[in-house]
């Protein structure tokens, strides 16, 4: 998903992707939570994808090391037509 979005110029954070979960947990509990998620068949692909650091703002690092600042969406997302 990550690589395809970067190649196509899509924003994965605002891309319709039902069935996914993002959790923020204390650093010292991350591995324990990950083990519990992976113990269930639906969580077998669970992964740690980032960390919170003591700096202002939120930044993401792309597949090729490109960093960008994440802002709140400027508009409401468009509804999906399934």
PDB file of N, CA and C in Angstrom:
ATOM      1  N   UNK A   1       0.827  -1.183   0.000  1.00  0.00           N
ATOM      2  CA  UNK A   1       0.000   0.000   0.000  1.00  0.00           C
ATOM      3  C   UNK A   1       0.875   1.250   0.000  1.00  0.00           C
ATOM      4  N   UNK A   2       1.859   1.247   0.907  1.00  0.00           N
ATOM      5  CA  UNK A   2       2.698   2.435   1.044  1.00  0.00           C
ATOM      6  C   UNK A   2       3.422   2.770  -0.259  1.00  0.00           C
ATOM      7  N   UNK A   3       4.062   1.776  -0.847  1.00  0.00           N
ATOM      8  CA  UNK A   3       4.819   2.006  -2.070  1.00  0.00           C
ATOM      9  C   UNK A   3       3.936   2.407  -3.240  1.00  0.00           C
ATOM     10  N   UNK A   4       2.788   1.761  -3.377  1.00  0.00           N
ATOM     11  CA  UNK A   4       1.867   2.076  -4.468  1.00  0.00           C
ATOM     12  C   UNK A   4       1.362   3.508  -4.332  1.00  0.00           C
ATOM     13  N   UNK A   5       0.986   3.901  -3.130  1.00  0.00           N
ATOM     14  CA  UNK A   5       0.499   5.275  -2.925  1.00  0.00           C
ATOM     15  C   UNK A   5       1.579   6.295  -3.270  1.00  0.00           C
ATOM     16  N   UNK A   6       2.814   6.029  -2.858  1.00  0.00           N
ATOM     17  CA  UNK A   6       3.881   6.978  -3.168  1.00  0.00           C
ATOM     18  C   UNK A   6       4.134   7.061  -4.668  1.00  0.00           C
ATOM     19  N   UNK A   7       4.134   5.920  -5.342  1.00  0.00           N
ATOM     20  CA  UNK A   7       4.373   5.920  -6.785  1.00  0.00           C
ATOM     21  C   UNK A   7       3.273   6.654  -7.544  1.00  0.00           C
ATOM     22  N   UNK A   8       2.033   6.531  -7.067  1.00  0.00           N
ATOM     23  CA  UNK A   8       0.900   7.157  -7.737  1.00  0.00           C
ATOM     24  C   UNK A   8       0.580   8.555  -7.216  1.00  0.00           C
ATOM     25  N   UNK A   9       1.297   9.000  -6.178  1.00  0.00           N
ATOM     26  CA  UNK A   9       1.052  10.324  -5.619  1.00  0.00           C
ATOM     27  C   UNK A   9      -0.222  10.408  -4.792  1.00  0.00           C
ATOM     28  N   UNK A  10      -0.665   9.274  -4.252  1.00  0.00           N
ATOM     29  CA  UNK A  10      -1.872   9.252  -3.425  1.00  0.00           C
ATOM     30  C   UNK A  10      -1.509   9.445  -1.962  1.00  0.00           C
ATOM     31  N   UNK A  11      -2.411   9.997  -1.193  1.00  0.00           N
ATOM     32  CA  UNK A  11      -2.205  10.211   0.229  1.00  0.00           C
ATOM     33  C   UNK A  11      -2.830   9.049   0.996  1.00  0.00           C
ATOM     34  N   UNK A  12      -2.007   8.127   1.459  1.00  0.00           N
ATOM     35  CA  UNK A  12      -2.498   6.919   2.130  1.00  0.00           C
ATOM     36  C   UNK A  12      -3.271   7.238   3.405  1.00  0.00           C
ATOM     37  N   UNK A  13      -2.984   8.364   4.044  1.00  0.00           N
ATOM     38  CA  UNK A  13      -3.674   8.702   5.287  1.00  0.00           C
ATOM     39  C   UNK A  13      -5.109   9.154   5.049  1.00  0.00           C
ATOM     40  N   UNK A  14      -5.424   9.594   3.858  1.00  0.00           N
ATOM     41  CA  UNK A  14      -6.774  10.033   3.549  1.00  0.00           C
ATOM     42  C   UNK A  14      -7.426   9.173   2.470  1.00  0.00           C
ATOM     43  N   UNK A  15      -6.861   8.029   2.245  1.00  0.00           N
ATOM     44  CA  UNK A  15      -7.343   7.095   1.238  1.00  0.00           C
ATOM     45  C   UNK A  15      -8.328   6.140   1.901  1.00  0.00           C
ATOM     46  N   UNK A  16      -9.456   5.876   1.243  1.00  0.00           N
ATOM     47  CA  UNK A  16     -10.444   4.951   1.807  1.00  0.00           C
ATOM     48  C   UNK A  16      -9.796   3.580   1.983  1.00  0.00           C
ATOM     49  N   UNK A  17      -9.828   3.064   3.190  1.00  0.00           N
ATOM     50  CA  UNK A  17      -9.163   1.795   3.476  1.00  0.00           C
ATOM     51  C   UNK A  17      -9.825   1.165   4.695  1.00  0.00           C
ATOM     52  N   UNK A  18     -11.032   0.680   4.532  1.00  0.00           N
ATOM     53  CA  UNK A  18     -11.774   0.104   5.644  1.00  0.00           C
ATOM     54  C   UNK A  18     -11.072  -1.143   6.171  1.00  0.00           C
ATOM     55  N   UNK A  19     -11.319  -1.425   7.433  1.00  0.00           N
ATOM     56  CA  UNK A  19     -10.779  -2.642   8.022  1.00  0.00           C
ATOM     57  C   UNK A  19      -9.383  -2.491   8.590  1.00  0.00           C
ATOM     58  N   UNK A  20      -8.903  -1.263   8.754  1.00  0.00           N
ATOM     59  CA  UNK A  20      -7.571  -1.023   9.314  1.00  0.00           C
ATOM     60  C   UNK A  20      -7.703  -0.342  10.661  1.00  0.00           C
ATOM     61  N   UNK A  21      -6.676  -0.475  11.482  1.00  0.00           N
ATOM     62  CA  UNK A  21      -6.689   0.089  12.827  1.00  0.00           C
ATOM     63  C   UNK A  21      -5.331   0.702  13.119  1.00  0.00           C
ATOM     64  N   UNK A  22      -5.333   1.898  13.675  1.00  0.00           N
ATOM     65  CA  UNK A  22      -4.108   2.534  14.133  1.00  0.00           C
ATOM     66  C   UNK A  22      -4.239   2.725  15.635  1.00  0.00           C
ATOM     67  N   UNK A  23      -3.264   2.234  16.384  1.00  0.00           N
ATOM     68  CA  UNK A  23      -3.254   2.368  17.838  1.00  0.00           C
ATOM     69  C   UNK A  23      -2.051   3.200  18.264  1.00  0.00           C
ATOM     70  N   UNK A  24      -2.217   3.981  19.286  1.00  0.00           N
ATOM     71  CA  UNK A  24      -1.101   4.679  19.914  1.00  0.00           C
ATOM     72  C   UNK A  24      -0.981   4.114  21.321  1.00  0.00           C
ATOM     73  N   UNK A  25       0.154   3.491  21.608  1.00  0.00           N
ATOM     74  CA  UNK A  25       0.364   2.859  22.914  1.00  0.00           C
ATOM     75  C   UNK A  25       1.703   3.317  23.486  1.00  0.00           C
ATOM     76  N   UNK A  26       1.844   3.162  24.797  1.00  0.00           N
ATOM     77  CA  UNK A  26       3.104   3.518  25.446  1.00  0.00           C
ATOM     78  C   UNK A  26       4.246   2.682  24.868  1.00  0.00           C
ATOM     79  N   UNK A  27       5.402   3.301  24.694  1.00  0.00           N
ATOM     80  CA  UNK A  27       6.552   2.621  24.091  1.00  0.00           C
ATOM     81  C   UNK A  27       6.870   1.305  24.795  1.00  0.00           C
ATOM     82  N   UNK A  28       6.828   1.291  26.126  1.00  0.00           N
ATOM     83  CA  UNK A  28       7.181   0.064  26.849  1.00  0.00           C
ATOM     84  C   UNK A  28       6.125  -1.035  26.740  1.00  0.00           C
ATOM     85  N   UNK A  29       4.972  -0.734  26.165  1.00  0.00           N
ATOM     86  CA  UNK A  29       3.922  -1.740  25.953  1.00  0.00           C
ATOM     87  C   UNK A  29       3.769  -2.137  24.488  1.00  0.00           C
ATOM     88  N   UNK A  30       4.479  -1.465  23.599  1.00  0.00           N
ATOM     89  CA  UNK A  30       4.286  -1.672  22.164  1.00  0.00           C
ATOM     90  C   UNK A  30       4.497  -3.121  21.737  1.00  0.00           C
ATOM     91  N   UNK A  31       5.574  -3.740  22.147  1.00  0.00           N
ATOM     92  CA  UNK A  31       5.850  -5.122  21.740  1.00  0.00           C
ATOM     93  C   UNK A  31       4.810  -6.084  22.308  1.00  0.00           C
ATOM     94  N   UNK A  32       4.362  -5.851  23.532  1.00  0.00           N
ATOM     95  CA  UNK A  32       3.338  -6.692  24.149  1.00  0.00           C
ATOM     96  C   UNK A  32       2.012  -6.580  23.389  1.00  0.00           C
ATOM     97  N   UNK A  33       1.611  -5.354  23.070  1.00  0.00           N
ATOM     98  CA  UNK A  33       0.376  -5.142  22.310  1.00  0.00           C
ATOM     99  C   UNK A  33       0.503  -5.790  20.929  1.00  0.00           C
ATOM    100  N   UNK A  34       1.646  -5.628  20.290  1.00  0.00           N
ATOM    101  CA  UNK A  34       1.867  -6.212  18.971  1.00  0.00           C
ATOM    102  C   UNK A  34       1.754  -7.740  19.024  1.00  0.00           C
ATOM    103  N   UNK A  35       2.324  -8.343  20.046  1.00  0.00           N
ATOM    104  CA  UNK A  35       2.242  -9.807  20.199  1.00  0.00           C
ATOM    105  C   UNK A  35       0.797 -10.255  20.356  1.00  0.00           C
ATOM    106  N   UNK A  36       0.021  -9.523  21.138  1.00  0.00           N
ATOM    107  CA  UNK A  36      -1.395  -9.867  21.309  1.00  0.00           C
ATOM    108  C   UNK A  36      -2.166  -9.731  19.998  1.00  0.00           C
ATOM    109  N   UNK A  37      -1.920  -8.661  19.258  1.00  0.00           N
ATOM    110  CA  UNK A  37      -2.592  -8.486  17.975  1.00  0.00           C
ATOM    111  C   UNK A  37      -2.241  -9.614  17.016  1.00  0.00           C
ATOM    112  N   UNK A  38      -0.965  -9.979  16.962  1.00  0.00           N
ATOM    113  CA  UNK A  38      -0.523 -11.035  16.045  1.00  0.00           C
ATOM    114  C   UNK A  38      -1.006 -12.418  16.455  1.00  0.00           C
ATOM    115  N   UNK A  39      -1.417 -12.580  17.705  1.00  0.00           N
ATOM    116  CA  UNK A  39      -1.897 -13.890  18.151  1.00  0.00           C
ATOM    117  C   UNK A  39      -3.274 -14.224  17.584  1.00  0.00           C
ATOM    118  N   UNK A  40      -3.949 -13.237  17.022  1.00  0.00           N
ATOM    119  CA  UNK A  40      -5.259 -13.449  16.407  1.00  0.00           C
ATOM    120  C   UNK A  40      -5.066 -13.518  14.885  1.00  0.00           C
ATOM    121  N   UNK A  41      -5.827 -14.367  14.230  1.00  0.00           N
ATOM    122  CA  UNK A  41      -5.698 -14.529  12.774  1.00  0.00           C
ATOM    123  C   UNK A  41      -5.846 -13.212  12.018  1.00  0.00           C
ATOM    124  N   UNK A  42      -6.734 -12.348  12.471  1.00  0.00           N
ATOM    125  CA  UNK A  42      -6.948 -11.075  11.771  1.00  0.00           C
ATOM    126  C   UNK A  42      -5.839 -10.056  12.049  1.00  0.00           C
ATOM    127  N   UNK A  43      -4.990 -10.330  13.031  1.00  0.00           N
ATOM    128  CA  UNK A  43      -3.919  -9.398  13.359  1.00  0.00           C
ATOM    129  C   UNK A  43      -2.540  -9.896  12.974  1.00  0.00           C
ATOM    130  N   UNK A  44      -2.478 -10.937  12.178  1.00  0.00           N
ATOM    131  CA  UNK A  44      -1.181 -11.546  11.853  1.00  0.00           C
ATOM    132  C   UNK A  44      -0.222 -10.598  11.145  1.00  0.00           C
ATOM    133  N   UNK A  45      -0.754  -9.589  10.450  1.00  0.00           N
ATOM    134  CA  UNK A  45       0.103  -8.644   9.734  1.00  0.00           C
ATOM    135  C   UNK A  45       0.320  -7.346  10.514  1.00  0.00           C
ATOM    136  N   UNK A  46      -0.048  -7.339  11.789  1.00  0.00           N
ATOM    137  CA  UNK A  46       0.120  -6.129  12.603  1.00  0.00           C
ATOM    138  C   UNK A  46       1.593  -5.731  12.634  1.00  0.00           C
ATOM    139  N   UNK A  47       1.844  -4.420  12.677  1.00  0.00           N
ATOM    140  CA  UNK A  47       3.219  -3.927  12.659  1.00  0.00           C
ATOM    141  C   UNK A  47       3.309  -2.592  13.374  1.00  0.00           C
ATOM    142  N   UNK A  48       4.482  -2.308  13.896  1.00  0.00           N
ATOM    143  CA  UNK A  48       4.776  -0.986  14.446  1.00  0.00           C
ATOM    144  C   UNK A  48       5.218  -0.127  13.271  1.00  0.00           C
ATOM    145  N   UNK A  49       4.523   0.993  13.057  1.00  0.00           N
ATOM    146  CA  UNK A  49       4.799   1.810  11.876  1.00  0.00           C
ATOM    147  C   UNK A  49       5.342   3.199  12.206  1.00  0.00           C
ATOM    148  N   UNK A  50       5.515   3.507  13.477  1.00  0.00           N
ATOM    149  CA  UNK A  50       6.019   4.829  13.813  1.00  0.00           C
ATOM    150  C   UNK A  50       6.152   4.998  15.307  1.00  0.00           C
ATOM    151  N   UNK A  51       6.543   6.184  15.704  1.00  0.00           N
ATOM    152  CA  UNK A  51       6.674   6.493  17.121  1.00  0.00           C
ATOM    153  C   UNK A  51       6.407   7.972  17.356  1.00  0.00           C
ATOM    154  N   UNK A  52       6.000   8.287  18.569  1.00  0.00           N
ATOM    155  CA  UNK A  52       5.776   9.671  18.966  1.00  0.00           C
ATOM    156  C   UNK A  52       7.070  10.159  19.603  1.00  0.00           C
ATOM    157  N   UNK A  53       7.524  11.324  19.166  1.00  0.00           N
ATOM    158  CA  UNK A  53       8.745  11.905  19.706  1.00  0.00           C
ATOM    159  C   UNK A  53       8.443  13.277  20.286  1.00  0.00           C
ATOM    160  N   UNK A  54       9.334  13.779  21.107  1.00  0.00           N
ATOM    161  CA  UNK A  54       9.116  15.055  21.791  1.00  0.00           C
ATOM    162  C   UNK A  54       9.528  16.231  20.918  1.00  0.00           C
ATOM    163  N   UNK A  55       8.859  16.386  19.794  1.00  0.00           N
ATOM    164  CA  UNK A  55       9.066  17.529  18.908  1.00  0.00           C
ATOM    165  C   UNK A  55       7.702  18.028  18.480  1.00  0.00           C
ATOM    166  N   UNK A  56       7.588  19.299  18.207  1.00  0.00           N
ATOM    167  CA  UNK A  56       6.283  19.811  17.765  1.00  0.00           C
ATOM    168  C   UNK A  56       5.945  19.327  16.359  1.00  0.00           C
ATOM    169  N   UNK A  57       4.655  19.176  16.101  1.00  0.00           N
ATOM    170  CA  UNK A  57       4.202  18.781  14.778  1.00  0.00           C
ATOM    171  C   UNK A  57       4.247  17.276  14.570  1.00  0.00           C
ATOM    172  N   UNK A  58       3.673  16.855  13.468  1.00  0.00           N
ATOM    173  CA  UNK A  58       3.659  15.438  13.110  1.00  0.00           C
ATOM    174  C   UNK A  58       4.254  15.313  11.721  1.00  0.00           C
ATOM    175  N   UNK A  59       5.225  14.429  11.584  1.00  0.00           N
ATOM    176  CA  UNK A  59       5.874  14.217  10.293  1.00  0.00           C
ATOM    177  C   UNK A  59       5.830  12.744   9.944  1.00  0.00           C
ATOM    178  N   UNK A  60       5.730  12.458   8.669  1.00  0.00           N
ATOM    179  CA  UNK A  60       5.812  11.080   8.204  1.00  0.00           C
ATOM    180  C   UNK A  60       7.059  10.946   7.344  1.00  0.00           C
ATOM    181  N   UNK A  61       7.599   9.733   7.315  1.00  0.00           N
ATOM    182  CA  UNK A  61       8.764   9.449   6.493  1.00  0.00           C
ATOM    183  C   UNK A  61       8.329   8.452   5.437  1.00  0.00           C
ATOM    184  N   UNK A  62       8.470   8.817   4.177  1.00  0.00           N
ATOM    185  CA  UNK A  62       8.034   7.968   3.080  1.00  0.00           C
ATOM    186  C   UNK A  62       8.991   6.833   2.797  1.00  0.00           C
ATOM    187  N   UNK A  63       8.611   6.016   1.850  1.00  0.00           N
ATOM    188  CA  UNK A  63       9.352   4.827   1.465  1.00  0.00           C
ATOM    189  C   UNK A  63      10.802   5.139   1.107  1.00  0.00           C
ATOM    190  N   UNK A  64      11.046   6.280   0.485  1.00  0.00           N
ATOM    191  CA  UNK A  64      12.392   6.649   0.050  1.00  0.00           C
ATOM    192  C   UNK A  64      13.033   7.686   0.968  1.00  0.00           C
ATOM    193  N   UNK A  65      12.530   7.794   2.209  1.00  0.00           N
ATOM    194  CA  UNK A  65      13.101   8.702   3.183  1.00  0.00           C
ATOM    195  C   UNK A  65      12.610  10.134   3.089  1.00  0.00           C
ATOM    196  N   UNK A  66      11.651  10.394   2.217  1.00  0.00           N
ATOM    197  CA  UNK A  66      11.102  11.748   2.074  1.00  0.00           C
ATOM    198  C   UNK A  66      10.233  12.057   3.295  1.00  0.00           C
ATOM    199  N   UNK A  67      10.494  13.182   3.947  1.00  0.00           N
ATOM    200  CA  UNK A  67       9.736  13.576   5.132  1.00  0.00           C
ATOM    201  C   UNK A  67       8.742  14.659   4.770  1.00  0.00           C
ATOM    202  N   UNK A  68       7.548  14.576   5.370  1.00  0.00           N
ATOM    203  CA  UNK A  68       6.549  15.620   5.147  1.00  0.00           C
ATOM    204  C   UNK A  68       5.772  15.858   6.427  1.00  0.00           C
ATOM    205  N   UNK A  69       5.350  17.099   6.603  1.00  0.00           N
ATOM    206  CA  UNK A  69       4.555  17.473   7.769  1.00  0.00           C
ATOM    207  C   UNK A  69       3.103  17.103   7.503  1.00  0.00           C
ATOM    208  N   UNK A  70       2.464  16.486   8.487  1.00  0.00           N
ATOM    209  CA  UNK A  70       1.057  16.112   8.363  1.00  0.00           C
ATOM    210  C   UNK A  70       0.192  17.183   8.998  1.00  0.00           C
ATOM    211  N   UNK A  71      -0.766  17.651   8.257  1.00  0.00           N
ATOM    212  CA  UNK A  71      -1.714  18.651   8.745  1.00  0.00           C
ATOM    213  C   UNK A  71      -3.084  18.008   8.890  1.00  0.00           C
ATOM    214  N   UNK A  72      -3.965  18.689   9.605  1.00  0.00           N
ATOM    215  CA  UNK A  72      -5.349  18.245   9.649  1.00  0.00           C
ATOM    216  C   UNK A  72      -5.962  18.433   8.271  1.00  0.00           C
ATOM    217  N   UNK A  73      -6.922  17.591   7.898  1.00  0.00           N
ATOM    218  CA  UNK A  73      -7.564  17.773   6.589  1.00  0.00           C
ATOM    219  C   UNK A  73      -8.195  19.164   6.489  1.00  0.00           C
ATOM    220  N   UNK A  74      -8.139  19.744   5.309  1.00  0.00           N
ATOM    221  CA  UNK A  74      -8.707  21.080   5.083  1.00  0.00           C
ATOM    222  C   UNK A  74     -10.205  21.026   4.818  1.00  0.00           C
ATOM    223  N   UNK A  75     -10.698  19.867   4.398  1.00  0.00           N
ATOM    224  CA  UNK A  75     -12.121  19.702   4.107  1.00  0.00           C
ATOM    225  C   UNK A  75     -12.576  18.337   4.618  1.00  0.00           C
ATOM    226  N   UNK A  76     -13.875  18.140   4.623  1.00  0.00           N
ATOM    227  CA  UNK A  76     -14.423  16.832   4.962  1.00  0.00           C
ATOM    228  C   UNK A  76     -14.147  15.868   3.808  1.00  0.00           C
ATOM    229  N   UNK A  77     -13.851  14.607   4.109  1.00  0.00           N
ATOM    230  CA  UNK A  77     -13.616  13.663   3.016  1.00  0.00           C
ATOM    231  C   UNK A  77     -14.889  13.437   2.207  1.00  0.00           C
ATOM    232  N   UNK A  78     -14.702  13.171   0.938  1.00  0.00           N
ATOM    233  CA  UNK A  78     -15.835  12.869   0.077  1.00  0.00           C
ATOM    234  C   UNK A  78     -16.368  11.477   0.404  1.00  0.00           C
ATOM    235  N   UNK A  79     -17.674  11.301   0.359  1.00  0.00           N
ATOM    236  CA  UNK A  79     -18.222   9.977   0.641  1.00  0.00           C
ATOM    237  C   UNK A  79     -17.847   8.995  -0.461  1.00  0.00           C
ATOM    238  N   UNK A  80     -17.646   7.763  -0.072  1.00  0.00           N
ATOM    239  CA  UNK A  80     -17.343   6.716  -1.056  1.00  0.00           C
ATOM    240  C   UNK A  80     -18.628   6.185  -1.638  1.00  0.00           C
ATOM    241  N   UNK A  81     -18.584   5.879  -2.900  1.00  0.00           N
ATOM    242  CA  UNK A  81     -19.717   5.234  -3.551  1.00  0.00           C
ATOM    243  C   UNK A  81     -19.280   3.808  -3.849  1.00  0.00           C
ATOM    244  N   UNK A  82     -19.876   2.862  -3.154  1.00  0.00           N
ATOM    245  CA  UNK A  82     -19.463   1.459  -3.302  1.00  0.00           C
ATOM    246  C   UNK A  82     -20.305   0.745  -4.332  1.00  0.00           C
TER     247      UNK A  82
END
